[in-house]
Amino acid sequence: MKGSKKLLFSLISLLVVFVVACSSFHVGKASNGKKTTTTQQAAFPVTVTDATKSKFTIKKEPKRIVSLMPSNTEILFALNKGKDVVGVTDYDNYPTSVSKIAKVSGKNMTFNVEKIISLKPDLVLAHQSSLATAGDAFKQLKDARIPVYVVKDAETFDSVYGTILDIGKVTGKVKEANSVINKMKTNLKKVQDKVAKSKVHPSVYVEVSGPPQIYTPGNGTFINEMLNKIGAKNIASNQKGWIQYSEEAVIKANPDVIITTYGYYEKDLPKKIVARQNWGTIKAVQNKRVYDVNSDTTSRPGPRLVEGVEELAKAIYPELYK
């Protein structure tokens, strides 16, 4: 009898160890549908490779972080690391509390290396899009023995999920990163389920800058992917990247809806679009279906992209959001 009890106790002990060990892993699905397994919390030291193919080791959880891109900052706050952010750029505006954080760049995104060093960061989160103009600044920071992690430039929702997970790894917030990603996916599905009820698929023209140089997003941009996800047709999807467009091309395409993204600095923009000469024949203008959306939520590769999708959906399918 004593032997049986001893055996039972041993089995229970092994079971507990097994459960505890497994609880540190998260099982999900990759974009190819296969199951993926990631640790819930990063153990330090952690060795990472960034967008420059540089490999380095972060010895302990960073407690003083300088963020050199607004999207990085938004991700850090979503991962509950906002309290550890000690430096941001002049373009950082979300959440509102970032206004109280020291600024380490000018409006043209040139970085003040001396200022950054003076903040004594144990991690600098840079961005691949700044490499061409700020490569020397990053080198100076590395020479000062400050870890600089260059975040990859994300161009799709899947790559944004990857960015969030990467930042989670270097900050010791993998569990929070998985939670943010799952929440984004859940909320995105809610929007897609709602717009799936629509029997129409409106054509849309998106204007990110106005005359004399009009630009619109084509294939390979977040806005194009957002429109695809909600069943709308981007009139410029047959071209790639950010395209310089002509007024004649917009008039010829005759979109059902017009979306602008720069109303934050041009007052009454939808009214100005409607009043444009020769645009009166466009269906969107005739039906007064011209809207301005938040440029940050439709362009920054971070957690608020799904908010951008919903804002577009509300403009394109207003009957579903009454």
C-alpha atoms as a PDB file:
ATOM      1  CA  MET A   1       0.000   0.000   0.000  1.00  0.00           C
ATOM      2  CA  LYS A   2       2.828   2.369   0.920  1.00  0.00           C
ATOM      3  CA  GLY A   3       4.510   1.555  -2.404  1.00  0.00           C
ATOM      4  CA  SER A   4       1.307   2.383  -4.292  1.00  0.00           C
ATOM      5  CA  LYS A   5       1.022   5.747  -2.550  1.00  0.00           C
ATOM      6  CA  LYS A   6       4.688   6.483  -3.318  1.00  0.00           C
ATOM      7  CA  LEU A   7       4.147   5.655  -7.003  1.00  0.00           C
ATOM      8  CA  LEU A   8       0.998   7.793  -7.173  1.00  0.00           C
ATOM      9  CA  PHE A   9       2.826  10.739  -5.583  1.00  0.00           C
ATOM     10  CA  SER A  10       5.672  10.391  -8.114  1.00  0.00           C
ATOM     11  CA  LEU A  11       3.236  10.378 -11.038  1.00  0.00           C
ATOM     12  CA  ILE A  12       1.453  13.491  -9.747  1.00  0.00           C
ATOM     13  CA  SER A  13       4.795  15.257  -9.287  1.00  0.00           C
ATOM     14  CA  LEU A  14       5.830  14.462 -12.850  1.00  0.00           C
ATOM     15  CA  LEU A  15       2.476  15.682 -14.133  1.00  0.00           C
ATOM     16  CA  VAL A  16       2.870  19.014 -12.310  1.00  0.00           C
ATOM     17  CA  VAL A  17       6.369  19.496 -13.749  1.00  0.00           C
ATOM     18  CA  PHE A  18       5.051  18.712 -17.234  1.00  0.00           C
ATOM     19  CA  VAL A  19       2.165  21.197 -16.951  1.00  0.00           C
ATOM     20  CA  VAL A  20       4.426  23.961 -15.655  1.00  0.00           C
ATOM     21  CA  ALA A  21       6.906  23.368 -18.459  1.00  0.00           C
ATOM     22  CA  CYS A  22       4.185  23.406 -21.117  1.00  0.00           C
ATOM     23  CA  SER A  23       2.578  26.546 -19.710  1.00  0.00           C
ATOM     24  CA  SER A  24       5.573  28.571 -20.880  1.00  0.00           C
ATOM     25  CA  PHE A  25       4.698  27.899 -24.497  1.00  0.00           C
ATOM     26  CA  HIS A  26       2.066  29.361 -26.821  1.00  0.00           C
ATOM     27  CA  VAL A  27       0.741  27.386 -29.751  1.00  0.00           C
ATOM     28  CA  GLY A  28      -0.676  29.318 -32.663  1.00  0.00           C
ATOM     29  CA  LYS A  29      -0.816  29.236 -36.436  1.00  0.00           C
ATOM     30  CA  ALA A  30       1.605  30.750 -38.901  1.00  0.00           C
ATOM     31  CA  SER A  31       0.447  32.459 -42.089  1.00  0.00           C
ATOM     32  CA  ASN A  32       0.897  29.141 -43.926  1.00  0.00           C
ATOM     33  CA  GLY A  33      -1.600  27.457 -41.606  1.00  0.00           C
ATOM     34  CA  LYS A  34       0.993  25.363 -39.766  1.00  0.00           C
ATOM     35  CA  LYS A  35       1.176  25.366 -35.997  1.00  0.00           C
ATOM     36  CA  THR A  36       3.885  27.509 -34.463  1.00  0.00           C
ATOM     37  CA  THR A  37       5.214  27.450 -30.917  1.00  0.00           C
ATOM     38  CA  THR A  38       6.708  30.490 -29.169  1.00  0.00           C
ATOM     39  CA  THR A  39       7.794  30.969 -25.581  1.00  0.00           C
ATOM     40  CA  GLN A  40       5.346  33.049 -23.579  1.00  0.00           C
ATOM     41  CA  GLN A  41       8.035  35.087 -21.835  1.00  0.00           C
ATOM     42  CA  ALA A  42      11.512  35.730 -23.133  1.00  0.00           C
ATOM     43  CA  ALA A  43      14.272  34.491 -20.856  1.00  0.00           C
ATOM     44  CA  PHE A  44      17.265  36.776 -20.587  1.00  0.00           C
ATOM     45  CA  PRO A  45      19.871  36.915 -21.911  1.00  0.00           C
ATOM     46  CA  VAL A  46      18.209  36.773 -25.351  1.00  0.00           C
ATOM     47  CA  THR A  47      20.089  36.813 -28.662  1.00  0.00           C
ATOM     48  CA  VAL A  48      18.325  38.529 -31.564  1.00  0.00           C
ATOM     49  CA  THR A  49      18.983  39.417 -35.213  1.00  0.00           C
ATOM     50  CA  ASP A  50      17.553  42.700 -36.505  1.00  0.00           C
ATOM     51  CA  ALA A  51      16.778  44.170 -39.941  1.00  0.00           C
ATOM     52  CA  THR A  52      20.468  44.836 -40.604  1.00  0.00           C
ATOM     53  CA  LYS A  53      21.289  41.143 -40.029  1.00  0.00           C
ATOM     54  CA  SER A  54      23.205  42.225 -36.926  1.00  0.00           C
ATOM     55  CA  LYS A  55      23.157  39.698 -34.109  1.00  0.00           C
ATOM     56  CA  PHE A  56      23.574  40.774 -30.510  1.00  0.00           C
ATOM     57  CA  THR A  57      22.621  39.675 -27.012  1.00  0.00           C
ATOM     58  CA  ILE A  58      20.394  41.598 -24.621  1.00  0.00           C
ATOM     59  CA  LYS A  59      21.508  40.545 -21.150  1.00  0.00           C
ATOM     60  CA  LYS A  60      18.453  41.612 -19.151  1.00  0.00           C
ATOM     61  CA  GLU A  61      15.031  43.156 -19.585  1.00  0.00           C
ATOM     62  CA  PRO A  62      15.513  46.751 -20.814  1.00  0.00           C
ATOM     63  CA  LYS A  63      14.195  49.389 -18.402  1.00  0.00           C
ATOM     64  CA  ARG A  64      15.244  52.545 -20.287  1.00  0.00           C
ATOM     65  CA  ILE A  65      14.142  52.481 -23.927  1.00  0.00           C
ATOM     66  CA  VAL A  66      14.470  55.126 -26.639  1.00  0.00           C
ATOM     67  CA  SER A  67      12.054  54.655 -29.543  1.00  0.00           C
ATOM     68  CA  LEU A  68      12.978  56.194 -32.899  1.00  0.00           C
ATOM     69  CA  MET A  69       9.701  55.483 -34.709  1.00  0.00           C
ATOM     70  CA  PRO A  70       6.093  56.255 -33.642  1.00  0.00           C
ATOM     71  CA  SER A  71       4.938  52.742 -34.545  1.00  0.00           C
ATOM     72  CA  ASN A  72       7.616  51.265 -32.252  1.00  0.00           C
ATOM     73  CA  THR A  73       6.368  53.494 -29.451  1.00  0.00           C
ATOM     74  CA  GLU A  74       2.754  52.440 -29.930  1.00  0.00           C
ATOM     75  CA  ILE A  75       3.797  48.789 -29.795  1.00  0.00           C
ATOM     76  CA  LEU A  76       5.808  49.351 -26.594  1.00  0.00           C
ATOM     77  CA  PHE A  77       2.812  50.950 -24.880  1.00  0.00           C
ATOM     78  CA  ALA A  78       0.554  48.112 -26.056  1.00  0.00           C
ATOM     79  CA  LEU A  79       3.023  45.676 -24.446  1.00  0.00           C
ATOM     80  CA  ASN A  80       2.874  47.572 -21.128  1.00  0.00           C
ATOM     81  CA  LYS A  81       6.399  48.921 -21.594  1.00  0.00           C
ATOM     82  CA  GLY A  82       5.348  52.558 -21.882  1.00  0.00           C
ATOM     83  CA  LYS A  83       6.649  53.355 -18.409  1.00  0.00           C
ATOM     84  CA  ASP A  84      10.143  52.376 -19.565  1.00  0.00           C
ATOM     85  CA  VAL A  85      10.201  54.644 -22.637  1.00  0.00           C
ATOM     86  CA  VAL A  86      12.527  57.595 -21.943  1.00  0.00           C
ATOM     87  CA  GLY A  87      12.897  59.081 -25.436  1.00  0.00           C
ATOM     88  CA  VAL A  88      10.712  59.424 -28.560  1.00  0.00           C
ATOM     89  CA  THR A  89      10.537  61.409 -31.816  1.00  0.00           C
ATOM     90  CA  ASP A  90       8.719  64.665 -32.504  1.00  0.00           C
ATOM     91  CA  TYR A  91       6.193  62.682 -34.558  1.00  0.00           C
ATOM     92  CA  ASP A  92       5.078  60.545 -31.636  1.00  0.00           C
ATOM     93  CA  ASN A  93       1.523  61.465 -30.666  1.00  0.00           C
ATOM     94  CA  TYR A  94      -0.053  58.271 -29.326  1.00  0.00           C
ATOM     95  CA  PRO A  95      -0.887  57.609 -26.618  1.00  0.00           C
ATOM     96  CA  THR A  96      -1.233  61.203 -25.424  1.00  0.00           C
ATOM     97  CA  SER A  97       1.138  60.574 -22.518  1.00  0.00           C
ATOM     98  CA  VAL A  98       4.084  60.492 -24.957  1.00  0.00           C
ATOM     99  CA  SER A  99       3.935  64.299 -25.022  1.00  0.00           C
ATOM    100  CA  LYS A 100       5.693  64.234 -21.632  1.00  0.00           C
ATOM    101  CA  ILE A 101       8.568  62.060 -22.841  1.00  0.00           C
ATOM    102  CA  ALA A 102      11.897  63.593 -23.928  1.00  0.00           C
ATOM    103  CA  LYS A 103      12.186  64.242 -27.676  1.00  0.00           C
ATOM    104  CA  VAL A 104      15.318  62.988 -29.414  1.00  0.00           C
ATOM    105  CA  SER A 105      14.631  63.993 -33.023  1.00  0.00           C
ATOM    106  CA  GLY A 106      13.591  66.965 -35.113  1.00  0.00           C
ATOM    107  CA  LYS A 107      10.678  67.249 -37.520  1.00  0.00           C
ATOM    108  CA  ASN A 108      12.859  65.889 -40.331  1.00  0.00           C
ATOM    109  CA  MET A 109      13.612  62.748 -38.286  1.00  0.00           C
ATOM    110  CA  THR A 110      17.276  63.572 -37.686  1.00  0.00           C
ATOM    111  CA  PHE A 111      18.339  62.062 -34.399  1.00  0.00           C
ATOM    112  CA  ASN A 112      20.173  63.871 -31.608  1.00  0.00           C
ATOM    113  CA  VAL A 113      22.796  61.280 -30.702  1.00  0.00           C
ATOM    114  CA  GLU A 114      24.100  63.260 -27.734  1.00  0.00           C
ATOM    115  CA  LYS A 115      20.592  63.572 -26.324  1.00  0.00           C
ATOM    116  CA  ILE A 116      19.968  59.854 -26.741  1.00  0.00           C
ATOM    117  CA  ILE A 117      23.225  58.938 -25.005  1.00  0.00           C
ATOM    118  CA  SER A 118      22.459  61.354 -22.159  1.00  0.00           C
ATOM    119  CA  LEU A 119      19.240  59.435 -21.460  1.00  0.00           C
ATOM    120  CA  LYS A 120      21.362  56.339 -20.714  1.00  0.00           C
ATOM    121  CA  PRO A 121      19.139  53.864 -22.561  1.00  0.00           C
ATOM    122  CA  ASP A 122      19.733  50.141 -22.301  1.00  0.00           C
ATOM    123  CA  LEU A 123      17.917  49.672 -25.633  1.00  0.00           C
ATOM    124  CA  VAL A 124      17.285  51.863 -28.677  1.00  0.00           C
ATOM    125  CA  LEU A 125      14.480  50.709 -30.979  1.00  0.00           C
ATOM    126  CA  ALA A 126      15.287  52.066 -34.434  1.00  0.00           C
ATOM    127  CA  HIS A 127      13.571  51.343 -37.758  1.00  0.00           C
ATOM    128  CA  GLN A 128      14.707  50.006 -41.114  1.00  0.00           C
ATOM    129  CA  SER A 129      13.157  52.946 -42.980  1.00  0.00           C
ATOM    130  CA  SER A 130      15.647  55.285 -41.254  1.00  0.00           C
ATOM    131  CA  LEU A 131      18.790  53.383 -42.259  1.00  0.00           C
ATOM    132  CA  ALA A 132      19.522  55.473 -45.348  1.00  0.00           C
ATOM    133  CA  THR A 133      19.426  58.779 -43.466  1.00  0.00           C
ATOM    134  CA  ALA A 134      20.394  57.755 -39.932  1.00  0.00           C
ATOM    135  CA  GLY A 135      22.885  54.938 -40.427  1.00  0.00           C
ATOM    136  CA  ASP A 136      25.743  57.047 -39.030  1.00  0.00           C
ATOM    137  CA  ALA A 137      23.693  57.928 -35.943  1.00  0.00           C
ATOM    138  CA  PHE A 138      22.975  54.256 -35.279  1.00  0.00           C
ATOM    139  CA  LYS A 139      26.694  53.466 -35.598  1.00  0.00           C
ATOM    140  CA  GLN A 140      27.583  56.197 -33.082  1.00  0.00           C
ATOM    141  CA  LEU A 141      25.115  54.710 -30.615  1.00  0.00           C
ATOM    142  CA  LYS A 142      26.551  51.229 -31.092  1.00  0.00           C
ATOM    143  CA  ASP A 143      30.073  52.639 -30.641  1.00  0.00           C
ATOM    144  CA  ALA A 144      28.822  54.047 -27.323  1.00  0.00           C
ATOM    145  CA  ARG A 145      27.903  50.435 -26.432  1.00  0.00           C
ATOM    146  CA  ILE A 146      24.172  51.086 -26.537  1.00  0.00           C
ATOM    147  CA  PRO A 147      22.172  48.167 -28.014  1.00  0.00           C
ATOM    148  CA  VAL A 148      20.374  49.326 -31.175  1.00  0.00           C
ATOM    149  CA  TYR A 149      17.677  47.006 -32.483  1.00  0.00           C
ATOM    150  CA  VAL A 150      16.577  47.960 -36.011  1.00  0.00           C
ATOM    151  CA  VAL A 151      12.956  46.886 -36.516  1.00  0.00           C
ATOM    152  CA  LYS A 152      12.124  45.459 -39.941  1.00  0.00           C
ATOM    153  CA  ASP A 153       9.945  47.580 -42.228  1.00  0.00           C
ATOM    154  CA  ALA A 154       6.537  45.861 -42.185  1.00  0.00           C
ATOM    155  CA  GLU A 155       4.333  46.104 -45.274  1.00  0.00           C
ATOM    156  CA  THR A 156       1.566  43.600 -44.495  1.00  0.00           C
ATOM    157  CA  PHE A 157      -0.589  42.664 -41.520  1.00  0.00           C
ATOM    158  CA  ASP A 158       1.325  39.395 -41.111  1.00  0.00           C
ATOM    159  CA  SER A 159       4.646  41.255 -41.004  1.00  0.00           C
ATOM    160  CA  VAL A 160       3.197  43.664 -38.411  1.00  0.00           C
ATOM    161  CA  TYR A 161       2.320  40.672 -36.250  1.00  0.00           C
ATOM    162  CA  GLY A 162       5.948  39.596 -36.665  1.00  0.00           C
ATOM    163  CA  THR A 163       7.189  43.038 -35.644  1.00  0.00           C
ATOM    164  CA  ILE A 164       5.074  43.024 -32.484  1.00  0.00           C
ATOM    165  CA  LEU A 165       6.420  39.595 -31.554  1.00  0.00           C
ATOM    166  CA  ASP A 166      10.019  40.689 -32.267  1.00  0.00           C
ATOM    167  CA  ILE A 167       9.665  43.733 -30.005  1.00  0.00           C
ATOM    168  CA  GLY A 168       8.074  41.464 -27.411  1.00  0.00           C
ATOM    169  CA  LYS A 169      11.149  39.232 -27.496  1.00  0.00           C
ATOM    170  CA  VAL A 170      13.698  42.040 -27.014  1.00  0.00           C
ATOM    171  CA  THR A 171      11.693  43.604 -24.176  1.00  0.00           C
ATOM    172  CA  GLY A 172      10.701  40.430 -22.325  1.00  0.00           C
ATOM    173  CA  LYS A 173       7.023  40.819 -23.232  1.00  0.00           C
ATOM    174  CA  VAL A 174       6.330  37.835 -25.481  1.00  0.00           C
ATOM    175  CA  LYS A 175       3.144  36.903 -23.612  1.00  0.00           C
ATOM    176  CA  GLU A 176       1.793  40.428 -24.015  1.00  0.00           C
ATOM    177  CA  ALA A 177       2.833  40.446 -27.687  1.00  0.00           C
ATOM    178  CA  ASN A 178       0.843  37.276 -28.390  1.00  0.00           C
ATOM    179  CA  SER A 179      -2.123  38.806 -26.559  1.00  0.00           C
ATOM    180  CA  VAL A 180      -1.972  41.992 -28.681  1.00  0.00           C
ATOM    181  CA  ILE A 181      -1.711  39.974 -31.899  1.00  0.00           C
ATOM    182  CA  ASN A 182      -4.653  37.734 -30.968  1.00  0.00           C
ATOM    183  CA  LYS A 183      -6.759  40.773 -30.073  1.00  0.00           C
ATOM    184  CA  MET A 184      -5.948  42.393 -33.427  1.00  0.00           C
ATOM    185  CA  LYS A 185      -6.926  39.240 -35.295  1.00  0.00           C
ATOM    186  CA  THR A 186     -10.165  38.891 -33.320  1.00  0.00           C
ATOM    187  CA  ASN A 187     -11.199  42.505 -33.902  1.00  0.00           C
ATOM    188  CA  LEU A 188     -10.270  42.297 -37.583  1.00  0.00           C
ATOM    189  CA  LYS A 189     -12.492  39.248 -38.004  1.00  0.00           C
ATOM    190  CA  LYS A 190     -15.394  41.112 -36.368  1.00  0.00           C
ATOM    191  CA  VAL A 191     -15.097  43.884 -38.961  1.00  0.00           C
ATOM    192  CA  GLN A 192     -14.800  41.385 -41.808  1.00  0.00           C
ATOM    193  CA  ASP A 193     -17.832  39.438 -40.581  1.00  0.00           C
ATOM    194  CA  LYS A 194     -19.852  42.651 -40.500  1.00  0.00           C
ATOM    195  CA  VAL A 195     -18.933  43.841 -44.016  1.00  0.00           C
ATOM    196  CA  ALA A 196     -19.507  40.341 -45.388  1.00  0.00           C
ATOM    197  CA  LYS A 197     -23.227  41.111 -44.992  1.00  0.00           C
ATOM    198  CA  SER A 198     -22.988  43.706 -47.764  1.00  0.00           C
ATOM    199  CA  LYS A 199     -23.997  42.670 -51.279  1.00  0.00           C
ATOM    200  CA  VAL A 200     -22.021  45.494 -52.909  1.00  0.00           C
ATOM    201  CA  HIS A 201     -18.265  46.008 -53.256  1.00  0.00           C
ATOM    202  CA  PRO A 202     -17.713  49.753 -53.783  1.00  0.00           C
ATOM    203  CA  SER A 203     -14.782  51.104 -55.771  1.00  0.00           C
ATOM    204  CA  VAL A 204     -12.610  53.447 -53.721  1.00  0.00           C
ATOM    205  CA  TYR A 205     -10.100  56.193 -54.481  1.00  0.00           C
ATOM    206  CA  VAL A 206      -7.749  57.062 -51.618  1.00  0.00           C
ATOM    207  CA  GLU A 207      -5.871  60.367 -51.683  1.00  0.00           C
ATOM    208  CA  VAL A 208      -2.894  60.738 -49.346  1.00  0.00           C
ATOM    209  CA  SER A 209      -1.775  64.110 -50.739  1.00  0.00           C
ATOM    210  CA  GLY A 210      -3.563  66.640 -52.917  1.00  0.00           C
ATOM    211  CA  PRO A 211      -2.765  68.845 -55.923  1.00  0.00           C
ATOM    212  CA  PRO A 212      -0.446  69.778 -57.463  1.00  0.00           C
ATOM    213  CA  GLN A 213       1.089  66.361 -56.740  1.00  0.00           C
ATOM    214  CA  ILE A 214      -1.650  63.854 -56.052  1.00  0.00           C
ATOM    215  CA  TYR A 215      -0.589  60.541 -54.520  1.00  0.00           C
ATOM    216  CA  THR A 216      -2.627  57.394 -53.945  1.00  0.00           C
ATOM    217  CA  PRO A 217      -1.724  53.989 -52.451  1.00  0.00           C
ATOM    218  CA  GLY A 218      -1.508  51.042 -54.819  1.00  0.00           C
ATOM    219  CA  ASN A 219      -0.776  47.365 -54.360  1.00  0.00           C
ATOM    220  CA  GLY A 220       1.733  46.551 -51.600  1.00  0.00           C
ATOM    221  CA  THR A 221       0.496  49.215 -49.157  1.00  0.00           C
ATOM    222  CA  PHE A 222      -1.419  48.858 -45.900  1.00  0.00           C
ATOM    223  CA  ILE A 223      -4.403  50.783 -47.255  1.00  0.00           C
ATOM    224  CA  ASN A 224      -4.699  48.501 -50.274  1.00  0.00           C
ATOM    225  CA  GLU A 225      -4.590  45.433 -48.003  1.00  0.00           C
ATOM    226  CA  MET A 226      -7.180  47.022 -45.714  1.00  0.00           C
ATOM    227  CA  LEU A 227      -9.533  47.636 -48.641  1.00  0.00           C
ATOM    228  CA  ASN A 228      -9.062  44.037 -49.789  1.00  0.00           C
ATOM    229  CA  LYS A 229      -9.868  42.736 -46.314  1.00  0.00           C
ATOM    230  CA  ILE A 230     -13.231  44.545 -46.320  1.00  0.00           C
ATOM    231  CA  GLY A 231     -14.183  43.673 -49.890  1.00  0.00           C
ATOM    232  CA  ALA A 232     -13.701  47.136 -51.402  1.00  0.00           C
ATOM    233  CA  LYS A 233     -11.956  47.789 -54.738  1.00  0.00           C
ATOM    234  CA  ASN A 234      -8.977  50.135 -54.821  1.00  0.00           C
ATOM    235  CA  ILE A 235      -9.002  51.907 -58.211  1.00  0.00           C
ATOM    236  CA  ALA A 236      -5.171  51.987 -58.130  1.00  0.00           C
ATOM    237  CA  SER A 237      -4.580  48.348 -57.153  1.00  0.00           C
ATOM    238  CA  ASN A 238      -3.162  47.560 -60.599  1.00  0.00           C
ATOM    239  CA  GLN A 239      -0.066  49.623 -59.717  1.00  0.00           C
ATOM    240  CA  LYS A 240       2.453  49.075 -56.922  1.00  0.00           C
ATOM    241  CA  GLY A 241       3.461  51.329 -54.027  1.00  0.00           C
ATOM    242  CA  TRP A 242       2.685  55.014 -53.631  1.00  0.00           C
ATOM    243  CA  ILE A 243       1.603  56.315 -57.015  1.00  0.00           C
ATOM    244  CA  GLN A 244       1.531  59.836 -58.393  1.00  0.00           C
ATOM    245  CA  TYR A 245      -1.954  60.067 -59.856  1.00  0.00           C
ATOM    246  CA  SER A 246      -3.719  62.518 -62.143  1.00  0.00           C
ATOM    247  CA  GLU A 247      -7.126  64.125 -61.696  1.00  0.00           C
ATOM    248  CA  GLU A 248      -8.063  62.795 -65.118  1.00  0.00           C
ATOM    249  CA  ALA A 249      -7.341  59.240 -63.958  1.00  0.00           C
ATOM    250  CA  VAL A 250      -9.612  59.669 -60.922  1.00  0.00           C
ATOM    251  CA  ILE A 251     -12.430  61.121 -63.041  1.00  0.00           C
ATOM    252  CA  LYS A 252     -12.101  58.261 -65.545  1.00  0.00           C
ATOM    253  CA  ALA A 253     -12.132  55.606 -62.784  1.00  0.00           C
ATOM    254  CA  ASN A 254     -15.346  57.164 -61.383  1.00  0.00           C
ATOM    255  CA  PRO A 255     -15.061  55.699 -57.827  1.00  0.00           C
ATOM    256  CA  ASP A 256     -18.083  55.100 -55.583  1.00  0.00           C
ATOM    257  CA  VAL A 257     -16.210  56.425 -52.530  1.00  0.00           C
ATOM    258  CA  ILE A 258     -13.353  58.891 -52.036  1.00  0.00           C
ATOM    259  CA  ILE A 259     -11.169  58.648 -48.920  1.00  0.00           C
ATOM    260  CA  THR A 260      -8.576  61.225 -47.867  1.00  0.00           C
ATOM    261  CA  THR A 261      -5.963  60.837 -45.125  1.00  0.00           C
ATOM    262  CA  TYR A 262      -4.551  64.346 -44.671  1.00  0.00           C
ATOM    263  CA  GLY A 263      -7.471  66.222 -43.154  1.00  0.00           C
ATOM    264  CA  TYR A 264      -5.485  66.726 -39.953  1.00  0.00           C
ATOM    265  CA  TYR A 265      -3.670  69.638 -41.591  1.00  0.00           C
ATOM    266  CA  GLU A 266      -6.118  70.749 -44.298  1.00  0.00           C
ATOM    267  CA  LYS A 267      -9.438  71.999 -42.938  1.00  0.00           C
ATOM    268  CA  ASP A 268     -12.751  70.999 -44.563  1.00  0.00           C
ATOM    269  CA  LEU A 269     -10.966  68.650 -46.964  1.00  0.00           C
ATOM    270  CA  PRO A 270     -14.029  66.616 -48.070  1.00  0.00           C
ATOM    271  CA  LYS A 271     -15.814  69.871 -49.028  1.00  0.00           C
ATOM    272  CA  LYS A 272     -12.795  70.948 -51.055  1.00  0.00           C
ATOM    273  CA  ILE A 273     -12.751  67.601 -52.883  1.00  0.00           C
ATOM    274  CA  VAL A 274     -16.435  67.937 -53.775  1.00  0.00           C
ATOM    275  CA  ALA A 275     -15.830  71.463 -55.075  1.00  0.00           C
ATOM    276  CA  ARG A 276     -12.963  70.508 -57.415  1.00  0.00           C
ATOM    277  CA  GLN A 277     -13.420  71.547 -61.006  1.00  0.00           C
ATOM    278  CA  ASN A 278     -14.577  68.734 -63.321  1.00  0.00           C
ATOM    279  CA  TRP A 279     -15.050  66.290 -60.425  1.00  0.00           C
ATOM    280  CA  GLY A 280     -18.828  66.732 -60.434  1.00  0.00           C
ATOM    281  CA  THR A 281     -19.296  63.711 -62.705  1.00  0.00           C
ATOM    282  CA  ILE A 282     -17.721  61.314 -60.180  1.00  0.00           C
ATOM    283  CA  LYS A 283     -20.265  59.131 -58.367  1.00  0.00           C
ATOM    284  CA  ALA A 284     -18.590  59.689 -54.990  1.00  0.00           C
ATOM    285  CA  VAL A 285     -18.880  63.457 -55.417  1.00  0.00           C
ATOM    286  CA  GLN A 286     -22.462  63.333 -56.687  1.00  0.00           C
ATOM    287  CA  ASN A 287     -23.514  61.201 -53.724  1.00  0.00           C
ATOM    288  CA  LYS A 288     -21.338  63.182 -51.287  1.00  0.00           C
ATOM    289  CA  ARG A 289     -19.449  60.044 -50.302  1.00  0.00           C
ATOM    290  CA  VAL A 290     -16.151  61.761 -49.549  1.00  0.00           C
ATOM    291  CA  TYR A 291     -14.583  61.070 -46.150  1.00  0.00           C
ATOM    292  CA  ASP A 292     -11.382  61.798 -44.273  1.00  0.00           C
ATOM    293  CA  VAL A 293      -9.804  59.101 -42.073  1.00  0.00           C
ATOM    294  CA  ASN A 294      -6.985  59.081 -39.525  1.00  0.00           C
ATOM    295  CA  SER A 295      -3.692  58.701 -41.407  1.00  0.00           C
ATOM    296  CA  ASP A 296      -1.922  57.180 -38.384  1.00  0.00           C
ATOM    297  CA  THR A 297      -4.294  54.221 -38.052  1.00  0.00           C
ATOM    298  CA  THR A 298      -4.088  53.491 -41.778  1.00  0.00           C
ATOM    299  CA  SER A 299      -0.324  53.726 -42.173  1.00  0.00           C
ATOM    300  CA  ARG A 300       1.546  53.038 -38.921  1.00  0.00           C
ATOM    301  CA  PRO A 301       2.573  49.368 -38.676  1.00  0.00           C
ATOM    302  CA  GLY A 302       1.268  48.811 -35.168  1.00  0.00           C
ATOM    303  CA  PRO A 303      -1.683  47.688 -33.032  1.00  0.00           C
ATOM    304  CA  ARG A 304      -4.052  50.426 -34.269  1.00  0.00           C
ATOM    305  CA  LEU A 305      -4.134  49.204 -37.876  1.00  0.00           C
ATOM    306  CA  VAL A 306      -7.342  47.309 -37.150  1.00  0.00           C
ATOM    307  CA  GLU A 307      -8.903  50.587 -35.978  1.00  0.00           C
ATOM    308  CA  GLY A 308      -7.985  51.921 -39.411  1.00  0.00           C
ATOM    309  CA  VAL A 309      -9.738  49.005 -41.079  1.00  0.00           C
ATOM    310  CA  GLU A 310     -12.898  49.688 -39.075  1.00  0.00           C
ATOM    311  CA  GLU A 311     -12.759  53.412 -39.860  1.00  0.00           C
ATOM    312  CA  LEU A 312     -12.544  52.610 -43.574  1.00  0.00           C
ATOM    313  CA  ALA A 313     -15.397  50.116 -43.232  1.00  0.00           C
ATOM    314  CA  LYS A 314     -17.615  52.718 -41.565  1.00  0.00           C
ATOM    315  CA  ALA A 315     -16.972  55.138 -44.417  1.00  0.00           C
ATOM    316  CA  ILE A 316     -17.452  52.601 -47.196  1.00  0.00           C
ATOM    317  CA  TYR A 317     -20.385  50.671 -45.663  1.00  0.00           C
ATOM    318  CA  PRO A 318     -22.249  53.295 -43.569  1.00  0.00           C
ATOM    319  CA  GLU A 319     -25.490  51.318 -43.827  1.00  0.00           C
ATOM    320  CA  LEU A 320     -23.916  48.523 -41.774  1.00  0.00           C
ATOM    321  CA  TYR A 321     -22.827  50.881 -38.978  1.00  0.00           C
ATOM    322  CA  LYS A 322     -26.038  52.863 -38.401  1.00  0.00           C
END
